N, C-alpha and C. Protein backbone atom coordinates (compact mmCIF):
# COMPACT_ATOMS: atom_id res chain seq x y z
N UNK A 1 82.53 91.61 82.63
CA UNK A 1 83.35 90.42 82.55
C UNK A 1 83.20 89.77 81.19
N UNK A 2 84.35 89.42 80.63
CA UNK A 2 84.33 88.81 79.31
C UNK A 2 84.40 89.80 78.16
N UNK A 3 84.55 91.09 78.48
CA UNK A 3 84.58 92.11 77.41
C UNK A 3 85.93 92.14 76.70
N UNK A 4 86.96 91.63 77.34
CA UNK A 4 88.29 91.64 76.73
C UNK A 4 89.22 92.69 77.32
N UNK A 5 88.91 93.17 78.51
CA UNK A 5 89.70 94.23 79.12
C UNK A 5 91.17 93.85 79.27
N UNK A 6 91.43 92.65 79.74
CA UNK A 6 92.80 92.22 79.96
C UNK A 6 93.53 92.02 78.62
N UNK A 7 92.91 91.34 77.69
CA UNK A 7 93.53 91.09 76.39
C UNK A 7 93.81 92.39 75.65
N UNK A 8 92.81 93.24 75.57
CA UNK A 8 92.96 94.51 74.85
C UNK A 8 93.92 95.43 75.60
N UNK A 9 93.79 95.48 76.92
CA UNK A 9 94.67 96.33 77.73
C UNK A 9 96.13 95.94 77.60
N UNK A 10 96.39 94.65 77.64
CA UNK A 10 97.77 94.17 77.53
C UNK A 10 98.38 94.56 76.17
N UNK A 11 97.61 94.40 75.11
CA UNK A 11 98.09 94.74 73.77
C UNK A 11 98.26 96.25 73.61
N UNK A 12 97.34 97.03 74.15
CA UNK A 12 97.45 98.48 74.08
C UNK A 12 98.70 98.96 74.81
N UNK A 13 98.95 98.40 75.97
CA UNK A 13 100.14 98.78 76.75
C UNK A 13 101.42 98.43 75.98
N UNK A 14 101.44 97.28 75.37
CA UNK A 14 102.60 96.86 74.60
C UNK A 14 102.87 97.84 73.45
N UNK A 15 101.83 98.20 72.73
CA UNK A 15 101.99 99.10 71.59
C UNK A 15 102.39 100.51 72.01
N UNK A 16 101.94 100.93 73.18
CA UNK A 16 102.24 102.29 73.65
C UNK A 16 103.46 102.32 74.58
N UNK A 17 104.09 101.17 74.75
CA UNK A 17 105.28 101.03 75.60
C UNK A 17 105.00 101.50 77.03
N UNK A 18 103.91 100.99 77.56
CA UNK A 18 103.50 101.31 78.92
C UNK A 18 103.41 100.01 79.72
N UNK A 19 103.36 100.14 81.03
CA UNK A 19 103.17 98.96 81.88
C UNK A 19 101.68 98.63 81.88
N UNK A 20 101.38 97.34 81.92
CA UNK A 20 100.01 96.88 82.01
C UNK A 20 99.77 96.27 83.38
N UNK A 21 98.62 96.54 83.96
CA UNK A 21 98.21 95.89 85.20
C UNK A 21 96.73 95.54 85.11
N UNK A 22 96.38 94.45 85.72
CA UNK A 22 95.00 94.01 85.82
C UNK A 22 94.63 94.08 87.30
N UNK A 23 93.64 94.86 87.63
CA UNK A 23 93.26 95.09 89.02
C UNK A 23 92.96 93.76 89.74
N UNK A 24 92.21 92.88 89.10
CA UNK A 24 91.89 91.59 89.73
C UNK A 24 93.15 90.77 89.97
N UNK A 25 94.06 90.74 89.01
CA UNK A 25 95.31 89.99 89.18
C UNK A 25 96.14 90.57 90.32
N UNK A 26 96.13 91.89 90.45
CA UNK A 26 96.86 92.55 91.55
C UNK A 26 96.27 92.13 92.90
N UNK A 27 94.95 92.06 92.97
CA UNK A 27 94.30 91.65 94.22
C UNK A 27 94.69 90.22 94.57
N UNK A 28 94.69 89.34 93.58
CA UNK A 28 95.08 87.94 93.80
C UNK A 28 96.53 87.86 94.27
N UNK A 29 97.41 88.63 93.61
CA UNK A 29 98.83 88.62 93.99
C UNK A 29 99.03 89.13 95.42
N UNK A 30 98.29 90.15 95.80
CA UNK A 30 98.43 90.74 97.14
C UNK A 30 97.86 89.86 98.24
N UNK A 31 96.77 89.16 97.95
CA UNK A 31 96.12 88.36 98.98
C UNK A 31 96.61 86.91 98.99
N UNK A 32 97.09 86.45 97.85
CA UNK A 32 97.53 85.07 97.76
C UNK A 32 96.39 84.07 97.59
N UNK A 33 95.19 84.58 97.34
CA UNK A 33 94.04 83.69 97.11
C UNK A 33 93.26 84.15 95.89
N UNK A 34 92.42 83.29 95.37
CA UNK A 34 91.65 83.60 94.17
C UNK A 34 90.48 84.54 94.50
N UNK A 35 89.95 85.16 93.47
CA UNK A 35 88.79 86.03 93.63
C UNK A 35 87.60 85.25 94.22
N UNK A 36 87.30 84.04 93.70
CA UNK A 36 86.19 83.28 94.31
C UNK A 36 86.40 83.02 95.80
N UNK A 37 87.65 82.82 96.22
CA UNK A 37 87.93 82.60 97.64
C UNK A 37 87.65 83.86 98.45
N UNK A 38 88.04 85.01 97.91
CA UNK A 38 87.75 86.27 98.60
C UNK A 38 86.24 86.45 98.74
N UNK A 39 85.50 86.17 97.66
CA UNK A 39 84.04 86.28 97.71
C UNK A 39 83.48 85.33 98.77
N UNK A 40 84.02 84.13 98.84
CA UNK A 40 83.54 83.12 99.77
C UNK A 40 83.76 83.55 101.22
N UNK A 41 84.94 84.12 101.49
CA UNK A 41 85.30 84.49 102.86
C UNK A 41 84.75 85.86 103.25
N UNK A 42 84.90 86.84 102.36
CA UNK A 42 84.57 88.23 102.71
C UNK A 42 83.29 88.74 102.05
N UNK A 43 82.74 87.96 101.12
CA UNK A 43 81.57 88.41 100.39
C UNK A 43 81.94 89.44 99.33
N UNK A 44 80.95 89.83 98.57
CA UNK A 44 81.22 90.83 97.52
C UNK A 44 81.67 92.15 98.13
N UNK A 45 81.09 92.51 99.27
CA UNK A 45 81.46 93.78 99.92
C UNK A 45 82.95 93.82 100.27
N UNK A 46 83.47 92.73 100.80
CA UNK A 46 84.89 92.66 101.14
C UNK A 46 85.76 92.75 99.90
N UNK A 47 85.33 92.06 98.84
CA UNK A 47 86.08 92.13 97.59
C UNK A 47 86.08 93.56 97.06
N UNK A 48 84.93 94.22 97.06
CA UNK A 48 84.83 95.58 96.53
C UNK A 48 85.71 96.55 97.32
N UNK A 49 85.83 96.34 98.63
CA UNK A 49 86.73 97.17 99.45
C UNK A 49 88.18 97.00 98.97
N UNK A 50 88.58 95.77 98.76
CA UNK A 50 89.94 95.49 98.28
C UNK A 50 90.14 96.08 96.88
N UNK A 51 89.13 95.98 96.04
CA UNK A 51 89.19 96.51 94.69
C UNK A 51 89.39 98.03 94.72
N UNK A 52 88.65 98.71 95.58
CA UNK A 52 88.77 100.17 95.68
C UNK A 52 90.15 100.58 96.17
N UNK A 53 90.67 99.87 97.15
CA UNK A 53 92.00 100.17 97.68
C UNK A 53 93.07 99.96 96.61
N UNK A 54 92.97 98.87 95.88
CA UNK A 54 93.93 98.56 94.82
C UNK A 54 93.85 99.60 93.71
N UNK A 55 92.64 99.97 93.33
CA UNK A 55 92.44 100.99 92.31
C UNK A 55 93.06 102.31 92.74
N UNK A 56 92.83 102.69 93.98
CA UNK A 56 93.37 103.95 94.50
C UNK A 56 94.89 103.97 94.36
N UNK A 57 95.53 102.87 94.69
CA UNK A 57 96.99 102.80 94.62
C UNK A 57 97.48 102.78 93.17
N UNK A 58 96.86 101.97 92.33
CA UNK A 58 97.34 101.83 90.95
C UNK A 58 97.13 103.09 90.12
N UNK A 59 96.08 103.85 90.41
CA UNK A 59 95.81 105.03 89.60
C UNK A 59 96.78 106.18 89.87
N UNK A 60 97.66 106.00 90.83
CA UNK A 60 98.73 106.99 91.06
C UNK A 60 99.92 106.75 90.13
N UNK A 61 99.97 105.57 89.57
CA UNK A 61 101.13 105.17 88.75
C UNK A 61 101.04 105.78 87.35
N UNK A 62 102.11 106.47 86.92
CA UNK A 62 102.10 107.05 85.57
C UNK A 62 102.35 105.98 84.50
N UNK A 63 101.97 106.28 83.28
CA UNK A 63 102.24 105.39 82.14
C UNK A 63 101.76 103.97 82.37
N UNK A 64 100.54 103.85 82.80
CA UNK A 64 99.97 102.55 83.11
C UNK A 64 98.67 102.36 82.33
N UNK A 65 98.53 101.19 81.73
CA UNK A 65 97.25 100.77 81.18
C UNK A 65 96.68 99.79 82.20
N UNK A 66 95.52 100.11 82.71
CA UNK A 66 94.92 99.34 83.79
C UNK A 66 93.60 98.72 83.36
N UNK A 67 93.49 97.42 83.49
CA UNK A 67 92.22 96.72 83.28
C UNK A 67 91.58 96.56 84.65
N UNK A 68 90.40 97.11 84.80
CA UNK A 68 89.71 96.99 86.08
C UNK A 68 88.75 95.82 86.05
N UNK A 69 88.28 95.44 87.22
CA UNK A 69 87.23 94.45 87.27
C UNK A 69 85.94 95.07 86.75
N UNK A 70 85.04 94.26 86.25
CA UNK A 70 83.81 94.76 85.65
C UNK A 70 82.93 95.57 86.58
N UNK A 71 82.98 95.28 87.88
CA UNK A 71 82.12 95.97 88.83
C UNK A 71 82.73 97.19 89.48
N UNK A 72 83.92 97.57 89.06
CA UNK A 72 84.59 98.70 89.69
C UNK A 72 83.77 99.98 89.62
N UNK A 73 82.95 100.13 88.59
CA UNK A 73 82.17 101.35 88.40
C UNK A 73 80.97 101.46 89.33
N UNK A 74 80.67 100.42 90.09
CA UNK A 74 79.53 100.45 90.99
C UNK A 74 79.73 101.45 92.13
N UNK A 75 80.97 101.71 92.49
CA UNK A 75 81.29 102.62 93.57
C UNK A 75 81.56 104.02 93.02
N UNK A 76 80.84 105.01 93.53
CA UNK A 76 80.99 106.38 93.01
C UNK A 76 82.40 106.91 93.25
N UNK A 77 83.03 106.52 94.33
CA UNK A 77 84.42 106.94 94.58
C UNK A 77 85.36 106.38 93.53
N UNK A 78 85.14 105.14 93.13
CA UNK A 78 85.96 104.54 92.07
C UNK A 78 85.76 105.28 90.75
N UNK A 79 84.50 105.62 90.46
CA UNK A 79 84.23 106.34 89.21
C UNK A 79 84.94 107.69 89.22
N UNK A 80 84.95 108.36 90.37
CA UNK A 80 85.64 109.65 90.47
C UNK A 80 87.14 109.48 90.26
N UNK A 81 87.72 108.45 90.89
CA UNK A 81 89.16 108.19 90.70
C UNK A 81 89.49 107.96 89.24
N UNK A 82 88.71 107.13 88.59
CA UNK A 82 88.96 106.82 87.19
C UNK A 82 88.87 108.08 86.34
N UNK A 83 87.86 108.88 86.57
CA UNK A 83 87.67 110.11 85.79
C UNK A 83 88.80 111.11 86.00
N UNK A 84 89.25 111.24 87.24
CA UNK A 84 90.25 112.24 87.58
C UNK A 84 91.67 111.84 87.22
N UNK A 85 91.96 110.56 87.22
CA UNK A 85 93.35 110.13 87.12
C UNK A 85 93.74 109.47 85.82
N UNK A 86 92.85 109.43 84.85
CA UNK A 86 93.25 108.78 83.61
C UNK A 86 92.22 108.93 82.52
N UNK A 87 92.51 108.29 81.42
CA UNK A 87 91.57 108.21 80.31
C UNK A 87 90.84 106.88 80.46
N UNK A 88 89.54 106.94 80.49
CA UNK A 88 88.73 105.74 80.71
C UNK A 88 88.17 105.26 79.37
N UNK A 89 88.44 104.00 79.08
CA UNK A 89 87.95 103.38 77.84
C UNK A 89 86.98 102.28 78.24
N UNK A 90 85.77 102.39 77.75
CA UNK A 90 84.74 101.39 78.02
C UNK A 90 84.62 100.47 76.82
N UNK A 91 84.91 99.19 77.03
CA UNK A 91 84.73 98.18 75.98
C UNK A 91 83.28 97.69 76.09
N UNK A 92 82.44 98.20 75.25
CA UNK A 92 81.02 97.88 75.28
C UNK A 92 80.76 96.64 74.42
N UNK A 93 80.41 95.56 75.10
CA UNK A 93 80.15 94.29 74.42
C UNK A 93 78.73 93.85 74.80
N UNK A 94 77.92 93.47 73.82
CA UNK A 94 76.54 93.05 74.10
C UNK A 94 76.49 91.85 75.04
N UNK A 95 75.47 91.81 75.92
CA UNK A 95 75.35 90.71 76.88
C UNK A 95 75.39 89.31 76.26
N UNK A 96 74.81 89.15 75.07
CA UNK A 96 74.82 87.83 74.42
C UNK A 96 76.25 87.34 74.19
N UNK A 97 77.12 88.23 73.75
CA UNK A 97 78.51 87.86 73.50
C UNK A 97 79.25 87.63 74.82
N UNK A 98 78.95 88.45 75.83
CA UNK A 98 79.56 88.24 77.15
C UNK A 98 79.19 86.85 77.67
N UNK A 99 77.94 86.46 77.47
CA UNK A 99 77.49 85.14 77.89
C UNK A 99 78.27 84.05 77.16
N UNK A 100 78.41 84.19 75.85
CA UNK A 100 79.15 83.19 75.07
C UNK A 100 80.58 83.06 75.57
N UNK A 101 81.20 84.15 75.94
CA UNK A 101 82.60 84.15 76.37
C UNK A 101 82.79 83.63 77.79
N UNK A 102 81.78 83.76 78.64
CA UNK A 102 81.98 83.43 80.06
C UNK A 102 81.23 82.18 80.53
N UNK A 103 80.40 81.61 79.70
CA UNK A 103 79.50 80.56 80.19
C UNK A 103 80.20 79.31 80.72
N UNK A 104 81.43 79.05 80.30
CA UNK A 104 82.14 77.87 80.78
C UNK A 104 83.19 78.21 81.84
N UNK A 105 83.29 79.49 82.19
CA UNK A 105 84.29 79.96 83.15
C UNK A 105 83.75 79.79 84.57
N UNK A 106 84.35 78.93 85.34
CA UNK A 106 83.90 78.66 86.71
C UNK A 106 84.57 79.58 87.73
N UNK A 107 85.35 80.54 87.25
CA UNK A 107 86.10 81.42 88.14
C UNK A 107 85.43 82.78 88.29
N UNK A 108 84.12 82.84 88.04
CA UNK A 108 83.38 84.10 88.10
C UNK A 108 82.28 83.99 89.16
N UNK A 109 82.58 84.47 90.37
CA UNK A 109 81.62 84.31 91.47
C UNK A 109 80.23 84.89 91.20
N UNK A 110 80.16 86.00 90.48
CA UNK A 110 78.86 86.61 90.23
C UNK A 110 77.98 85.80 89.29
N UNK A 111 78.59 84.82 88.61
CA UNK A 111 77.81 83.98 87.69
C UNK A 111 77.46 82.63 88.31
N UNK A 112 77.74 82.47 89.58
CA UNK A 112 77.38 81.23 90.28
C UNK A 112 75.95 81.35 90.80
N UNK A 113 75.05 81.48 89.85
CA UNK A 113 73.62 81.62 90.15
C UNK A 113 72.85 80.65 89.26
N UNK A 114 71.56 80.53 89.53
CA UNK A 114 70.73 79.60 88.77
C UNK A 114 70.67 79.95 87.28
N UNK A 115 70.57 81.25 86.96
CA UNK A 115 70.47 81.67 85.57
C UNK A 115 71.58 82.68 85.26
N UNK A 116 72.79 82.20 84.96
CA UNK A 116 73.91 83.12 84.72
C UNK A 116 73.71 84.04 83.52
N UNK A 117 73.02 83.57 82.52
CA UNK A 117 72.77 84.42 81.34
C UNK A 117 71.94 85.64 81.71
N UNK A 118 70.90 85.42 82.49
CA UNK A 118 70.06 86.52 82.97
C UNK A 118 70.88 87.44 83.87
N UNK A 119 71.76 86.88 84.67
CA UNK A 119 72.61 87.68 85.56
C UNK A 119 73.50 88.62 84.75
N UNK A 120 74.06 88.13 83.65
CA UNK A 120 74.90 88.97 82.78
C UNK A 120 74.07 90.12 82.22
N UNK A 121 72.86 89.83 81.81
CA UNK A 121 71.99 90.89 81.27
C UNK A 121 71.68 91.94 82.34
N UNK A 122 71.43 91.48 83.58
CA UNK A 122 71.16 92.40 84.69
C UNK A 122 72.40 93.26 84.99
N UNK A 123 73.56 92.63 85.05
CA UNK A 123 74.80 93.36 85.33
C UNK A 123 75.05 94.42 84.25
N UNK A 124 74.84 94.04 83.01
CA UNK A 124 75.05 94.97 81.90
C UNK A 124 74.08 96.15 82.01
N UNK A 125 72.84 95.87 82.32
CA UNK A 125 71.81 96.92 82.44
C UNK A 125 72.19 97.93 83.54
N UNK A 126 72.72 97.44 84.66
CA UNK A 126 73.10 98.31 85.77
C UNK A 126 74.40 99.05 85.48
N UNK A 127 75.38 98.34 84.93
CA UNK A 127 76.72 98.90 84.78
C UNK A 127 76.89 99.78 83.54
N UNK A 128 76.19 99.50 82.47
CA UNK A 128 76.37 100.24 81.22
C UNK A 128 76.26 101.76 81.42
N UNK A 129 75.23 102.28 82.08
CA UNK A 129 75.16 103.74 82.25
C UNK A 129 76.30 104.28 83.11
N UNK A 130 76.78 103.48 84.05
CA UNK A 130 77.88 103.92 84.91
C UNK A 130 79.19 103.99 84.12
N UNK A 131 79.41 103.00 83.26
CA UNK A 131 80.59 103.03 82.38
C UNK A 131 80.54 104.26 81.49
N UNK A 132 79.38 104.50 80.92
CA UNK A 132 79.23 105.64 80.01
C UNK A 132 79.43 106.97 80.73
N UNK A 133 79.05 107.02 82.00
CA UNK A 133 79.23 108.23 82.80
C UNK A 133 80.70 108.63 82.91
N UNK A 134 81.59 107.65 83.04
CA UNK A 134 83.02 107.96 83.25
C UNK A 134 83.88 107.81 82.00
N UNK A 135 83.34 107.21 80.96
CA UNK A 135 84.15 106.89 79.78
C UNK A 135 84.52 108.13 78.97
N UNK A 136 85.79 108.22 78.65
CA UNK A 136 86.27 109.22 77.70
C UNK A 136 86.09 108.70 76.28
N UNK A 137 86.03 107.38 76.18
CA UNK A 137 85.95 106.71 74.90
C UNK A 137 85.16 105.42 75.07
N UNK A 138 84.17 105.21 74.21
CA UNK A 138 83.39 103.97 74.21
C UNK A 138 83.75 103.22 72.93
N UNK A 139 84.21 102.00 73.09
CA UNK A 139 84.58 101.16 71.95
C UNK A 139 83.61 100.00 71.92
N UNK A 140 82.87 99.90 70.83
CA UNK A 140 81.94 98.79 70.69
C UNK A 140 82.71 97.55 70.29
N UNK A 141 82.61 96.55 71.13
CA UNK A 141 83.31 95.29 70.89
C UNK A 141 82.32 94.21 70.53
N UNK A 142 82.82 93.05 70.46
CA UNK A 142 81.93 91.93 70.15
C UNK A 142 82.64 90.92 69.30
N UNK A 143 82.27 90.87 68.05
CA UNK A 143 82.80 89.83 67.16
C UNK A 143 84.18 90.17 66.60
N UNK A 144 84.57 91.44 66.65
CA UNK A 144 85.87 91.84 66.12
C UNK A 144 87.01 91.27 66.95
N UNK A 145 88.20 91.23 66.37
CA UNK A 145 89.33 90.70 67.13
C UNK A 145 89.95 91.79 68.00
N UNK A 146 90.67 91.38 69.04
CA UNK A 146 91.27 92.36 69.96
C UNK A 146 92.20 93.34 69.27
N UNK A 147 92.94 92.90 68.26
CA UNK A 147 93.85 93.79 67.54
C UNK A 147 93.11 94.94 66.89
N UNK A 148 91.94 94.66 66.32
CA UNK A 148 91.13 95.70 65.69
C UNK A 148 90.64 96.69 66.74
N UNK A 149 90.27 96.19 67.90
CA UNK A 149 89.83 97.08 68.97
C UNK A 149 90.97 97.98 69.43
N UNK A 150 92.17 97.42 69.53
CA UNK A 150 93.33 98.21 69.96
C UNK A 150 93.63 99.30 68.93
N UNK A 151 93.57 98.95 67.66
CA UNK A 151 93.81 99.97 66.62
C UNK A 151 92.76 101.09 66.69
N UNK A 152 91.53 100.72 66.94
CA UNK A 152 90.46 101.71 67.07
C UNK A 152 90.73 102.62 68.29
N UNK A 153 91.18 102.04 69.38
CA UNK A 153 91.50 102.81 70.59
C UNK A 153 92.68 103.74 70.33
N UNK A 154 93.71 103.23 69.68
CA UNK A 154 94.89 104.07 69.39
C UNK A 154 94.51 105.28 68.53
N UNK A 155 93.69 105.05 67.55
CA UNK A 155 93.24 106.13 66.68
C UNK A 155 92.47 107.18 67.49
N UNK A 156 91.57 106.71 68.34
CA UNK A 156 90.78 107.63 69.16
C UNK A 156 91.66 108.37 70.17
N UNK A 157 92.65 107.69 70.73
CA UNK A 157 93.56 108.34 71.68
C UNK A 157 94.37 109.43 71.00
N UNK A 158 94.77 109.20 69.78
CA UNK A 158 95.50 110.22 69.02
C UNK A 158 94.61 111.46 68.84
N UNK A 159 93.35 111.24 68.54
CA UNK A 159 92.40 112.36 68.40
C UNK A 159 92.22 113.08 69.73
N UNK A 160 92.12 112.32 70.83
CA UNK A 160 91.98 112.93 72.15
C UNK A 160 93.22 113.77 72.49
N UNK A 161 94.41 113.24 72.16
CA UNK A 161 95.65 113.97 72.41
C UNK A 161 95.65 115.30 71.67
N UNK A 162 95.24 115.27 70.42
CA UNK A 162 95.20 116.49 69.61
C UNK A 162 94.21 117.49 70.19
N UNK A 163 93.05 117.00 70.61
CA UNK A 163 92.03 117.86 71.17
C UNK A 163 92.53 118.53 72.44
N UNK A 164 93.20 117.75 73.32
CA UNK A 164 93.66 118.33 74.58
C UNK A 164 94.77 119.34 74.35
N UNK A 165 95.56 119.18 73.29
CA UNK A 165 96.62 120.12 72.96
C UNK A 165 96.04 121.45 72.45
N UNK A 166 94.87 121.38 71.85
CA UNK A 166 94.24 122.57 71.29
C UNK A 166 93.59 123.44 72.37
N UNK A 167 93.36 122.91 73.53
CA UNK A 167 92.68 123.66 74.59
C UNK A 167 93.67 124.30 75.52
């Protein structure tokens, strides 16, 4: 959370003339309630079930740039879907920067704890290896602007396209 998935994804989709979707926004649109409300009523487990179902449906759609929720990689089935059905780009942003970006955001249920900064560090420690497991491309983010990240992704995607054509 706070890595820039939605911002970067939206810009990448625009440049590549593809549709953009944000998994969390899709869940909100389908349920008619906010993510914190889902967490409150169904808990994280209920939210993760909805997330997996939404991911399963969206990954069938061609020509789509999809921003997933940060915890989508926690489920091995989700990781398999992502690996099998698309190119996975991991926006790797250091926990310190994630903290700076999210510390005033009250719409993040996982940060409603006594020490949210420590929680971000814990989440990063658990999720980072899982992201790397499924990522076709790792983009180090942080202080750079989203446009620079998109250009870096486009360049890498062009290289991936060339590589896949050679095989």
